[in-house]
Protein backbone atom coordinates (compact mmCIF):
# COMPACT_ATOMS: atom_id res chain seq x y z
CA MET A 1 264.29 123.49 -32.00
CA ASN A 2 264.38 121.80 -28.60
CA LYS A 3 267.12 119.27 -27.92
CA TYR A 4 266.72 116.15 -25.81
CA ILE A 5 268.86 113.47 -24.21
CA LEU A 6 267.71 109.86 -24.28
CA ALA A 7 269.00 107.25 -21.84
CA ILE A 8 268.51 103.57 -22.65
CA ASP A 9 269.00 101.12 -19.78
CA GLN A 10 269.06 97.45 -20.76
CA SER A 11 269.20 95.52 -17.50
CA THR A 12 268.82 91.90 -16.49
CA THR A 13 265.04 92.15 -16.23
CA ALA A 14 263.89 94.97 -18.50
CA THR A 15 264.67 97.64 -21.05
CA LYS A 16 263.94 101.26 -20.12
CA ALA A 17 264.12 104.50 -22.09
CA VAL A 18 264.17 107.82 -20.23
CA LEU A 19 263.97 111.22 -21.93
CA PHE A 20 265.41 114.45 -20.50
CA ASN A 21 265.41 117.98 -21.87
CA ASN A 22 268.63 119.91 -22.45
CA ASN A 23 268.44 121.21 -18.85
CA GLY A 24 268.51 117.64 -17.52
CA GLU A 25 264.86 117.71 -16.46
CA PHE A 26 262.87 114.47 -16.69
CA ILE A 27 260.35 114.41 -19.55
CA SER A 28 259.12 110.82 -19.99
CA GLN A 29 260.01 107.15 -19.63
CA ASN A 30 258.87 103.75 -20.86
CA ASN A 31 259.78 100.28 -19.60
CA LEU A 32 259.32 96.72 -20.94
CA GLU A 33 260.28 93.55 -19.09
CA HIS A 34 261.86 90.68 -20.97
CA LYS A 35 261.77 86.97 -20.29
CA GLN A 36 264.61 85.31 -18.43
CA TYR A 37 265.74 81.75 -19.16
CA PHE A 38 267.59 79.64 -16.58
CA PRO A 39 269.33 76.77 -18.48
CA ASN A 40 271.56 75.82 -15.52
CA PRO A 41 271.76 76.72 -11.83
CA GLY A 42 273.26 80.20 -11.46
CA TRP A 43 272.89 80.99 -15.18
CA VAL A 44 270.47 83.39 -16.84
CA GLU A 45 269.99 83.91 -20.56
CA HIS A 46 267.89 86.28 -22.65
CA ASP A 47 266.54 86.34 -26.19
CA ALA A 48 268.62 88.96 -28.03
CA GLU A 49 265.84 89.54 -30.58
CA GLU A 50 263.35 90.26 -27.77
CA ILE A 51 265.77 92.77 -26.22
CA TYR A 52 266.29 94.43 -29.62
CA GLN A 53 262.54 94.69 -30.26
CA ASN A 54 261.90 95.97 -26.71
CA THR A 55 264.57 98.63 -27.17
CA LYS A 56 262.92 99.88 -30.35
CA LYS A 57 259.50 99.89 -28.65
CA VAL A 58 260.52 101.80 -25.51
CA VAL A 59 262.40 104.44 -27.53
CA LEU A 60 259.50 104.96 -29.94
CA ASN A 61 256.99 105.03 -27.05
CA VAL A 62 258.95 107.70 -25.17
CA LEU A 63 259.28 109.90 -28.26
CA LYS A 64 255.62 109.40 -29.21
CA ASN A 65 254.39 110.17 -25.66
CA CYS A 66 255.98 113.64 -25.82
CA ASN A 67 255.73 114.36 -29.56
CA VAL A 68 259.53 114.51 -29.80
CA LEU A 69 261.14 113.88 -33.18
CA LYS A 70 264.29 111.78 -33.51
CA GLU A 71 265.92 114.82 -35.14
CA GLU A 72 265.56 116.64 -31.81
CA MET A 73 267.90 114.21 -30.05
CA ALA A 74 271.18 115.77 -28.94
CA ALA A 75 272.58 112.59 -27.38
CA VAL A 76 271.80 108.99 -26.52
CA GLY A 77 273.39 107.19 -23.58
CA ILE A 78 273.26 103.41 -23.25
CA THR A 79 273.82 101.16 -20.25
CA ASN A 80 273.74 97.40 -20.68
CA GLN A 81 274.84 94.05 -19.38
CA ARG A 82 278.58 94.55 -19.78
CA GLU A 83 279.48 90.94 -20.35
CA THR A 84 276.89 90.37 -23.08
CA THR A 85 277.96 89.71 -26.66
CA VAL A 86 275.63 89.21 -29.62
CA ILE A 87 276.79 88.73 -33.20
CA TRP A 88 274.55 90.19 -35.94
CA ASP A 89 274.74 89.32 -39.63
CA ARG A 90 275.35 92.51 -41.62
CA LYS A 91 273.25 91.36 -44.60
CA THR A 92 270.25 89.86 -42.83
CA GLY A 93 270.26 91.89 -39.60
CA LYS A 94 269.70 88.63 -37.69
CA GLN A 95 271.79 87.01 -34.99
């Protein structure tokens, strides 16, 4: 069975998933932009639910584009907005 490495990059403007094989060679990527809200000068906010849904979509799209199964993943790396905090309710799965 092949093994793959998935990188998820959640930046200020978009969420991207990039898939590599176990030799570090690029296989596929998918990217979705998300809306930015500017409530005050110098501030930017995002909808956490939109980011969550975009993350699921880009990961599934990358795996689907290459016919890779989630069981073939050896590792997942995540980069994000370091200062971001979102609280999720354990029972409902909502923020």
